Amino acid sequence: SARTLGPQGQTGEIVDIGSGTIGTSDVKGKWVLFDLKFELP
């Protein structure tokens, strides 16, 4: 593949889910901001 967001990029609202999950949050057409967790101590 060869893909791009274009010279202007893509702009959208940010939905911050922290260290949780998306669940019922409306994220369509938006950026999902999340905390990456390392899960196997």
All heavy atoms as atom14 arrays in JSON, in Angstrom:
{
  "sequence": "SARTLGPQGQTGEIVDIGSGTIGTSDVKGKWVLFDLKFELP",
  "atom14_mask": [
    [1, 1, 1, 1, 1, 1, 0, 0, 0, 0, 0, 0, 0, 0],
    [1, 1, 1, 1, 1, 0, 0, 0, 0, 0, 0, 0, 0, 0],
    [1, 1, 1, 1, 1, 1, 1, 1, 1, 1, 1, 0, 0, 0],
    [1, 1, 1, 1, 1, 1, 1, 0, 0, 0, 0, 0, 0, 0],
    [1, 1, 1, 1, 1, 1, 1, 1, 0, 0, 0, 0, 0, 0],
    [1, 1, 1, 1, 0, 0, 0, 0, 0, 0, 0, 0, 0, 0],
    [1, 1, 1, 1, 1, 1, 1, 0, 0, 0, 0, 0, 0, 0],
    [1, 1, 1, 1, 1, 1, 1, 1, 1, 0, 0, 0, 0, 0],
    [1, 1, 1, 1, 0, 0, 0, 0, 0, 0, 0, 0, 0, 0],
    [1, 1, 1, 1, 1, 1, 1, 1, 1, 0, 0, 0, 0, 0],
    [1, 1, 1, 1, 1, 1, 1, 0, 0, 0, 0, 0, 0, 0],
    [1, 1, 1, 1, 0, 0, 0, 0, 0, 0, 0, 0, 0, 0],
    [1, 1, 1, 1, 1, 1, 1, 1, 1, 0, 0, 0, 0, 0],
    [1, 1, 1, 1, 1, 1, 1, 1, 0, 0, 0, 0, 0, 0],
    [1, 1, 1, 1, 1, 1, 1, 0, 0, 0, 0, 0, 0, 0],
    [1, 1, 1, 1, 1, 1, 1, 1, 0, 0, 0, 0, 0, 0],
    [1, 1, 1, 1, 1, 1, 1, 1, 0, 0, 0, 0, 0, 0],
    [1, 1, 1, 1, 0, 0, 0, 0, 0, 0, 0, 0, 0, 0],
    [1, 1, 1, 1, 1, 1, 0, 0, 0, 0, 0, 0, 0, 0],
    [1, 1, 1, 1, 0, 0, 0, 0, 0, 0, 0, 0, 0, 0],
    [1, 1, 1, 1, 1, 1, 1, 0, 0, 0, 0, 0, 0, 0],
    [1, 1, 1, 1, 1, 1, 1, 1, 0, 0, 0, 0, 0, 0],
    [1, 1, 1, 1, 0, 0, 0, 0, 0, 0, 0, 0, 0, 0],
    [1, 1, 1, 1, 1, 1, 1, 0, 0, 0, 0, 0, 0, 0],
    [1, 1, 1, 1, 1, 1, 0, 0, 0, 0, 0, 0, 0, 0],
    [1, 1, 1, 1, 1, 1, 1, 1, 0, 0, 0, 0, 0, 0],
    [1, 1, 1, 1, 1, 1, 1, 0, 0, 0, 0, 0, 0, 0],
    [1, 1, 1, 1, 1, 1, 1, 1, 1, 0, 0, 0, 0, 0],
    [1, 1, 1, 1, 0, 0, 0, 0, 0, 0, 0, 0, 0, 0],
    [1, 1, 1, 1, 1, 1, 1, 1, 1, 0, 0, 0, 0, 0],
    [1, 1, 1, 1, 1, 1, 1, 1, 1, 1, 1, 1, 1, 1],
    [1, 1, 1, 1, 1, 1, 1, 0, 0, 0, 0, 0, 0, 0],
    [1, 1, 1, 1, 1, 1, 1, 1, 0, 0, 0, 0, 0, 0],
    [1, 1, 1, 1, 1, 1, 1, 1, 1, 1, 1, 0, 0, 0],
    [1, 1, 1, 1, 1, 1, 1, 1, 0, 0, 0, 0, 0, 0],
    [1, 1, 1, 1, 1, 1, 1, 1, 0, 0, 0, 0, 0, 0],
    [1, 1, 1, 1, 1, 1, 1, 1, 1, 0, 0, 0, 0, 0],
    [1, 1, 1, 1, 1, 1, 1, 1, 1, 1, 1, 0, 0, 0],
    [1, 1, 1, 1, 1, 1, 1, 1, 1, 0, 0, 0, 0, 0],
    [1, 1, 1, 1, 1, 1, 1, 1, 0, 0, 0, 0, 0, 0],
    [1, 1, 1, 1, 1, 1, 1, 0, 0, 0, 0, 0, 0, 0]
  ],
  "atom14_positions": [
    [[0.84, -1.2, 0.0], [0.0, 0.0, 0.0], [0.87, 1.24, 0.0], [2.04, 1.2, 0.41], [-0.93, 0.02, 1.22], [-0.19, 0.05, 2.42], [0.0, 0.0, 0.0], [0.0, 0.0, 0.0], [0.0, 0.0, 0.0], [0.0, 0.0, 0.0], [0.0, 0.0, 0.0], [0.0, 0.0, 0.0], [0.0, 0.0, 0.0], [0.0, 0.0, 0.0]],
    [[0.29, 2.33, -0.48], [0.9, 3.66, -0.38], [-0.22, 4.61, -0.01], [-1.12, 4.87, -0.82], [1.55, 4.05, -1.7], [0.0, 0.0, 0.0], [0.0, 0.0, 0.0], [0.0, 0.0, 0.0], [0.0, 0.0, 0.0], [0.0, 0.0, 0.0], [0.0, 0.0, 0.0], [0.0, 0.0, 0.0], [0.0, 0.0, 0.0], [0.0, 0.0, 0.0]],
    [[-0.18, 5.11, 1.22], [-1.3, 5.89, 1.72], [-0.81, 7.19, 2.35], [0.32, 7.25, 2.86], [-2.11, 5.08, 2.73], [-2.73, 3.8, 2.15], [-3.64, 3.12, 3.16], [-4.74, 4.01, 3.55], [-5.57, 3.74, 4.55], [-5.42, 2.63, 5.25], [-6.54, 4.59, 4.86], [0.0, 0.0, 0.0], [0.0, 0.0, 0.0], [0.0, 0.0, 0.0]],
    [[-1.68, 8.18, 2.35], [-1.31, 9.46, 2.94], [-2.55, 10.16, 3.49], [-3.67, 9.95, 3.0], [-0.62, 10.38, 1.91], [-0.24, 11.6, 2.55], [-1.54, 10.67, 0.73], [0.0, 0.0, 0.0], [0.0, 0.0, 0.0], [0.0, 0.0, 0.0], [0.0, 0.0, 0.0], [0.0, 0.0, 0.0], [0.0, 0.0, 0.0], [0.0, 0.0, 0.0]],
    [[-2.34, 10.98, 4.49], [-3.4, 11.84, 5.0], [-3.46, 13.16, 4.24], [-4.27, 14.03, 4.58], [-3.19, 12.1, 6.5], [-3.22, 10.86, 7.42], [-3.09, 11.28, 8.87], [-4.5, 10.05, 7.2], [0.0, 0.0, 0.0], [0.0, 0.0, 0.0], [0.0, 0.0, 0.0], [0.0, 0.0, 0.0], [0.0, 0.0, 0.0], [0.0, 0.0, 0.0]],
    [[-2.6, 13.29, 3.24], [-2.63, 14.47, 2.38], [-1.75, 15.59, 2.89], [-1.32, 15.6, 4.04], [0.0, 0.0, 0.0], [0.0, 0.0, 0.0], [0.0, 0.0, 0.0], [0.0, 0.0, 0.0], [0.0, 0.0, 0.0], [0.0, 0.0, 0.0], [0.0, 0.0, 0.0], [0.0, 0.0, 0.0], [0.0, 0.0, 0.0], [0.0, 0.0, 0.0]],
    [[-1.45, 16.55, 2.03], [-0.55, 17.64, 2.41], [-1.08, 18.5, 3.55], [-0.3, 19.1, 4.29], [-0.42, 18.46, 1.11], [-1.61, 18.09, 0.29], [-1.92, 16.67, 0.63], [0.0, 0.0, 0.0], [0.0, 0.0, 0.0], [0.0, 0.0, 0.0], [0.0, 0.0, 0.0], [0.0, 0.0, 0.0], [0.0, 0.0, 0.0], [0.0, 0.0, 0.0]],
    [[-2.39, 18.55, 3.71], [-2.97, 19.32, 4.81], [-3.25, 18.46, 6.04], [-3.62, 18.98, 7.09], [-4.28, 19.99, 4.35], [-4.15, 20.86, 3.12], [-3.1, 21.95, 3.31], [-3.05, 22.61, 4.35], [-2.27, 22.15, 2.29], [0.0, 0.0, 0.0], [0.0, 0.0, 0.0], [0.0, 0.0, 0.0], [0.0, 0.0, 0.0], [0.0, 0.0, 0.0]],
    [[-3.08, 17.14, 5.89], [-3.39, 16.25, 6.99], [-4.89, 16.12, 7.2], [-5.7, 16.57, 6.38], [0.0, 0.0, 0.0], [0.0, 0.0, 0.0], [0.0, 0.0, 0.0], [0.0, 0.0, 0.0], [0.0, 0.0, 0.0], [0.0, 0.0, 0.0], [0.0, 0.0, 0.0], [0.0, 0.0, 0.0], [0.0, 0.0, 0.0], [0.0, 0.0, 0.0]],
    [[-5.25, 15.48, 8.3], [-6.65, 15.34, 8.66], [-6.87, 15.95, 10.04], [-6.07, 15.76, 10.96], [-7.1, 13.89, 8.64], [-7.19, 13.31, 7.24], [-7.9, 11.96, 7.21], [-8.4, 11.48, 8.21], [-7.93, 11.36, 6.02], [0.0, 0.0, 0.0], [0.0, 0.0, 0.0], [0.0, 0.0, 0.0], [0.0, 0.0, 0.0], [0.0, 0.0, 0.0]],
    [[-7.99, 16.68, 10.18], [-8.3, 17.36, 11.43], [-9.59, 16.81, 12.01], [-10.56, 16.54, 11.28], [-8.45, 18.88, 11.2], [-7.24, 19.39, 10.65], [-8.78, 19.61, 12.5], [0.0, 0.0, 0.0], [0.0, 0.0, 0.0], [0.0, 0.0, 0.0], [0.0, 0.0, 0.0], [0.0, 0.0, 0.0], [0.0, 0.0, 0.0], [0.0, 0.0, 0.0]],
    [[-9.6, 16.62, 13.31], [-10.8, 16.13, 13.97], [-10.73, 16.38, 15.46], [-9.67, 16.7, 16.02], [0.0, 0.0, 0.0], [0.0, 0.0, 0.0], [0.0, 0.0, 0.0], [0.0, 0.0, 0.0], [0.0, 0.0, 0.0], [0.0, 0.0, 0.0], [0.0, 0.0, 0.0], [0.0, 0.0, 0.0], [0.0, 0.0, 0.0], [0.0, 0.0, 0.0]],
    [[-11.86, 16.21, 16.09], [-11.96, 16.35, 17.54], [-11.23, 15.2, 18.23], [-11.14, 14.1, 17.69], [-13.43, 16.37, 17.94], [-13.7, 16.6, 19.41], [-15.18, 16.57, 19.74], [-15.99, 16.77, 18.81], [-15.53, 16.34, 20.91], [0.0, 0.0, 0.0], [0.0, 0.0, 0.0], [0.0, 0.0, 0.0], [0.0, 0.0, 0.0], [0.0, 0.0, 0.0]],
    [[-10.71, 15.46, 19.41], [-10.02, 14.44, 20.2], [-10.97, 13.92, 21.28], [-11.59, 14.7, 22.01], [-8.76, 15.0, 20.86], [-7.74, 15.44, 19.81], [-8.13, 13.97, 21.8], [-6.52, 16.13, 20.39], [0.0, 0.0, 0.0], [0.0, 0.0, 0.0], [0.0, 0.0, 0.0], [0.0, 0.0, 0.0], [0.0, 0.0, 0.0], [0.0, 0.0, 0.0]],
    [[-11.08, 12.59, 21.37], [-11.82, 11.94, 22.45], [-10.79, 11.24, 23.34], [-10.12, 10.31, 22.89], [-12.85, 10.94, 21.92], [-13.56, 10.23, 23.09], [-13.86, 11.64, 21.02], [0.0, 0.0, 0.0], [0.0, 0.0, 0.0], [0.0, 0.0, 0.0], [0.0, 0.0, 0.0], [0.0, 0.0, 0.0], [0.0, 0.0, 0.0], [0.0, 0.0, 0.0]],
    [[-10.68, 11.69, 24.58], [-9.67, 11.16, 25.51], [-10.28, 10.05, 26.35], [-11.14, 10.29, 27.19], [-9.17, 12.3, 26.41], [-8.04, 11.86, 27.32], [-7.61, 10.69, 27.24], [-7.58, 12.7, 28.14], [0.0, 0.0, 0.0], [0.0, 0.0, 0.0], [0.0, 0.0, 0.0], [0.0, 0.0, 0.0], [0.0, 0.0, 0.0], [0.0, 0.0, 0.0]],
    [[-9.83, 8.81, 26.12], [-10.35, 7.68, 26.91], [-9.38, 7.26, 28.0], [-9.66, 6.31, 28.75], [-10.69, 6.47, 26.01], [-9.42, 5.9, 25.36], [-11.72, 6.85, 24.95], [-9.65, 4.56, 24.67], [0.0, 0.0, 0.0], [0.0, 0.0, 0.0], [0.0, 0.0, 0.0], [0.0, 0.0, 0.0], [0.0, 0.0, 0.0], [0.0, 0.0, 0.0]],
    [[-8.23, 7.94, 28.11], [-7.26, 7.61, 29.16], [-6.82, 6.17, 29.07], [-6.49, 5.66, 27.99], [0.0, 0.0, 0.0], [0.0, 0.0, 0.0], [0.0, 0.0, 0.0], [0.0, 0.0, 0.0], [0.0, 0.0, 0.0], [0.0, 0.0, 0.0], [0.0, 0.0, 0.0], [0.0, 0.0, 0.0], [0.0, 0.0, 0.0], [0.0, 0.0, 0.0]],
    [[-6.82, 5.46, 30.2], [-6.42, 4.06, 30.23], [-7.62, 3.12, 30.16], [-7.49, 1.92, 30.4], [-5.61, 3.76, 31.49], [-6.37, 4.08, 32.66], [0.0, 0.0, 0.0], [0.0, 0.0, 0.0], [0.0, 0.0, 0.0], [0.0, 0.0, 0.0], [0.0, 0.0, 0.0], [0.0, 0.0, 0.0], [0.0, 0.0, 0.0], [0.0, 0.0, 0.0]],
    [[-8.81, 3.69, 29.83], [-10.01, 2.88, 29.72], [-10.22, 2.36, 28.31], [-9.28, 2.23, 27.52], [0.0, 0.0, 0.0], [0.0, 0.0, 0.0], [0.0, 0.0, 0.0], [0.0, 0.0, 0.0], [0.0, 0.0, 0.0], [0.0, 0.0, 0.0], [0.0, 0.0, 0.0], [0.0, 0.0, 0.0], [0.0, 0.0, 0.0], [0.0, 0.0, 0.0]],
    [[-11.47, 2.08, 27.98], [-11.82, 1.6, 26.64], [-12.78, 2.59, 25.99], [-13.3, 3.5, 26.63], [-12.48, 0.21, 26.71], [-13.7, 0.32, 27.48], [-11.56, -0.8, 27.38], [0.0, 0.0, 0.0], [0.0, 0.0, 0.0], [0.0, 0.0, 0.0], [0.0, 0.0, 0.0], [0.0, 0.0, 0.0], [0.0, 0.0, 0.0], [0.0, 0.0, 0.0]],
    [[-13.01, 2.4, 24.7], [-13.9, 3.3, 23.98], [-15.33, 3.15, 24.46], [-16.05, 4.12, 24.63], [-13.78, 3.05, 22.47], [-12.41, 3.52, 21.98], [-14.89, 3.77, 21.7], [-12.12, 3.2, 20.54], [0.0, 0.0, 0.0], [0.0, 0.0, 0.0], [0.0, 0.0, 0.0], [0.0, 0.0, 0.0], [0.0, 0.0, 0.0], [0.0, 0.0, 0.0]],
    [[-15.75, 1.9, 24.7], [-17.09, 1.67, 25.2], [-18.14, 2.3, 24.31], [-18.18, 2.08, 23.1], [0.0, 0.0, 0.0], [0.0, 0.0, 0.0], [0.0, 0.0, 0.0], [0.0, 0.0, 0.0], [0.0, 0.0, 0.0], [0.0, 0.0, 0.0], [0.0, 0.0, 0.0], [0.0, 0.0, 0.0], [0.0, 0.0, 0.0], [0.0, 0.0, 0.0]],
    [[-19.0, 3.14, 24.92], [-20.08, 3.79, 24.16], [-19.71, 5.19, 23.68], [-20.57, 5.92, 23.16], [-21.35, 3.88, 25.04], [-21.04, 4.63, 26.23], [-21.84, 2.49, 25.42], [0.0, 0.0, 0.0], [0.0, 0.0, 0.0], [0.0, 0.0, 0.0], [0.0, 0.0, 0.0], [0.0, 0.0, 0.0], [0.0, 0.0, 0.0], [0.0, 0.0, 0.0]],
    [[-18.45, 5.58, 23.84], [-18.03, 6.92, 23.4], [-18.2, 7.07, 21.89], [-17.9, 6.15, 21.13], [-16.57, 7.17, 23.78], [-16.38, 7.1, 25.17], [0.0, 0.0, 0.0], [0.0, 0.0, 0.0], [0.0, 0.0, 0.0], [0.0, 0.0, 0.0], [0.0, 0.0, 0.0], [0.0, 0.0, 0.0], [0.0, 0.0, 0.0], [0.0, 0.0, 0.0]],
    [[-18.64, 8.24, 21.48], [-18.79, 8.53, 20.06], [-17.44, 9.0, 19.52], [-16.99, 10.12, 19.78], [-19.84, 9.62, 19.86], [-19.99, 10.02, 18.38], [-19.51, 9.26, 17.52], [-20.55, 11.1, 18.12], [0.0, 0.0, 0.0], [0.0, 0.0, 0.0], [0.0, 0.0, 0.0], [0.0, 0.0, 0.0], [0.0, 0.0, 0.0], [0.0, 0.0, 0.0]],
    [[-16.77, 8.14, 18.79], [-15.45, 8.48, 18.25], [-15.44, 8.53, 16.73], [-14.39, 8.71, 16.12], [-14.38, 7.49, 18.74], [-14.29, 7.49, 20.26], [-14.64, 6.08, 18.23], [0.0, 0.0, 0.0], [0.0, 0.0, 0.0], [0.0, 0.0, 0.0], [0.0, 0.0, 0.0], [0.0, 0.0, 0.0], [0.0, 0.0, 0.0], [0.0, 0.0, 0.0]],
    [[-16.59, 8.39, 16.09], [-16.63, 8.38, 14.64], [-16.13, 9.72, 14.09], [-16.61, 10.79, 14.48], [-18.06, 8.11, 14.15], [-18.13, 7.92, 12.63], [-19.53, 7.49, 12.21], [-19.57, 7.24, 10.7], [-20.93, 6.8, 10.26], [0.0, 0.0, 0.0], [0.0, 0.0, 0.0], [0.0, 0.0, 0.0], [0.0, 0.0, 0.0], [0.0, 0.0, 0.0]],
    [[-15.14, 9.63, 13.18], [-14.57, 10.83, 12.6], [-13.73, 11.65, 13.57], [-13.46, 12.82, 13.31], [0.0, 0.0, 0.0], [0.0, 0.0, 0.0], [0.0, 0.0, 0.0], [0.0, 0.0, 0.0], [0.0, 0.0, 0.0], [0.0, 0.0, 0.0], [0.0, 0.0, 0.0], [0.0, 0.0, 0.0], [0.0, 0.0, 0.0], [0.0, 0.0, 0.0]],
    [[-13.29, 11.03, 14.66], [-12.52, 11.73, 15.68], [-11.23, 10.96, 15.99], [-11.09, 9.79, 15.65], [-13.36, 11.88, 16.97], [-14.68, 12.6, 16.74], [-15.55, 12.58, 17.99], [-16.91, 13.22, 17.72], [-17.79, 13.18, 18.92], [0.0, 0.0, 0.0], [0.0, 0.0, 0.0], [0.0, 0.0, 0.0], [0.0, 0.0, 0.0], [0.0, 0.0, 0.0]],
    [[-10.31, 11.65, 16.67], [-9.08, 11.01, 17.12], [-9.3, 10.42, 18.51], [-9.86, 11.08, 19.39], [-7.93, 12.02, 17.19], [-7.6, 12.69, 15.9], [-7.83, 13.99, 15.57], [-7.0, 12.08, 14.75], [-7.4, 14.25, 14.29], [-6.89, 13.09, 13.76], [-6.54, 10.81, 14.46], [-6.33, 12.85, 12.51], [-5.99, 10.57, 13.21], [-5.88, 11.56, 12.25]],
    [[-8.82, 9.19, 18.71], [-8.89, 8.56, 20.02], [-7.55, 8.74, 20.72], [-6.51, 8.28, 20.22], [-9.23, 7.06, 19.91], [-9.16, 6.4, 21.29], [-10.62, 6.87, 19.31], [0.0, 0.0, 0.0], [0.0, 0.0, 0.0], [0.0, 0.0, 0.0], [0.0, 0.0, 0.0], [0.0, 0.0, 0.0], [0.0, 0.0, 0.0], [0.0, 0.0, 0.0]],
    [[-7.57, 9.43, 21.84], [-6.37, 9.63, 22.67], [-6.42, 8.6, 23.79], [-7.39, 8.56, 24.56], [-6.35, 11.05, 23.23], [-5.22, 11.39, 24.21], [-3.87, 11.38, 23.5], [-5.47, 12.76, 24.85], [0.0, 0.0, 0.0], [0.0, 0.0, 0.0], [0.0, 0.0, 0.0], [0.0, 0.0, 0.0], [0.0, 0.0, 0.0], [0.0, 0.0, 0.0]],
    [[-5.39, 7.75, 23.89], [-5.41, 6.69, 24.9], [-4.04, 6.5, 25.52], [-3.02, 6.87, 24.93], [-5.9, 5.37, 24.29], [-4.88, 4.67, 23.4], [-4.15, 3.6, 23.86], [-4.68, 5.09, 22.09], [-3.22, 2.95, 23.06], [-3.75, 4.46, 21.27], [-3.01, 3.38, 21.75], [0.0, 0.0, 0.0], [0.0, 0.0, 0.0], [0.0, 0.0, 0.0]],
    [[-4.03, 5.94, 26.72], [-2.79, 5.6, 27.41], [-2.44, 4.15, 27.1], [-3.22, 3.23, 27.42], [-2.94, 5.76, 28.92], [-3.07, 7.21, 29.34], [-2.43, 8.07, 28.71], [-3.83, 7.48, 30.3], [0.0, 0.0, 0.0], [0.0, 0.0, 0.0], [0.0, 0.0, 0.0], [0.0, 0.0, 0.0], [0.0, 0.0, 0.0], [0.0, 0.0, 0.0]],
    [[-1.29, 3.92, 26.45], [-0.85, 2.56, 26.19], [-0.39, 1.93, 27.5], [0.44, 2.48, 28.21], [0.31, 2.55, 25.19], [0.8, 1.14, 24.82], [-0.18, 0.46, 23.88], [2.2, 1.2, 24.2], [0.0, 0.0, 0.0], [0.0, 0.0, 0.0], [0.0, 0.0, 0.0], [0.0, 0.0, 0.0], [0.0, 0.0, 0.0], [0.0, 0.0, 0.0]],
    [[-0.94, 0.75, 27.81], [-0.58, 0.05, 29.03], [0.19, -1.23, 28.7], [-0.18, -1.98, 27.79], [-1.83, -0.29, 29.85], [-2.73, 0.91, 30.17], [-1.99, 2.02, 30.88], [-1.53, 1.63, 32.28], [-0.85, 2.77, 32.96], [0.0, 0.0, 0.0], [0.0, 0.0, 0.0], [0.0, 0.0, 0.0], [0.0, 0.0, 0.0], [0.0, 0.0, 0.0]],
    [[1.26, -1.45, 29.44], [2.0, -2.71, 29.34], [1.35, -3.68, 30.32], [1.33, -3.44, 31.53], [3.47, -2.49, 29.69], [4.2, -1.59, 28.73], [5.44, -1.05, 29.07], [3.67, -1.27, 27.49], [6.12, -0.22, 28.19], [4.35, -0.44, 26.6], [5.57, 0.09, 26.96], [0.0, 0.0, 0.0], [0.0, 0.0, 0.0], [0.0, 0.0, 0.0]],
    [[0.81, -4.79, 29.81], [-0.16, -5.58, 30.56], [0.38, -6.87, 31.18], [-0.39, -7.58, 31.86], [-1.34, -5.93, 29.65], [-2.12, -4.71, 29.18], [-3.36, -5.07, 28.42], [-3.33, -6.06, 27.67], [-4.36, -4.35, 28.56], [0.0, 0.0, 0.0], [0.0, 0.0, 0.0], [0.0, 0.0, 0.0], [0.0, 0.0, 0.0], [0.0, 0.0, 0.0]],
    [[1.62, -7.21, 30.95], [2.08, -8.5, 31.46], [3.28, -8.31, 32.39], [4.43, -8.38, 31.96], [2.47, -9.42, 30.3], [2.71, -10.89, 30.67], [1.44, -11.52, 31.23], [3.18, -11.67, 29.45], [0.0, 0.0, 0.0], [0.0, 0.0, 0.0], [0.0, 0.0, 0.0], [0.0, 0.0, 0.0], [0.0, 0.0, 0.0], [0.0, 0.0, 0.0]],
    [[3.06, -8.07, 33.68], [4.17, -7.95, 34.62], [4.79, -9.31, 34.9], [4.18, -10.36, 34.66], [3.5, -7.38, 35.88], [2.1, -7.89, 35.8], [1.75, -7.9, 34.34], [0.0, 0.0, 0.0], [0.0, 0.0, 0.0], [0.0, 0.0, 0.0], [0.0, 0.0, 0.0], [0.0, 0.0, 0.0], [0.0, 0.0, 0.0], [0.0, 0.0, 0.0]]
  ]
}
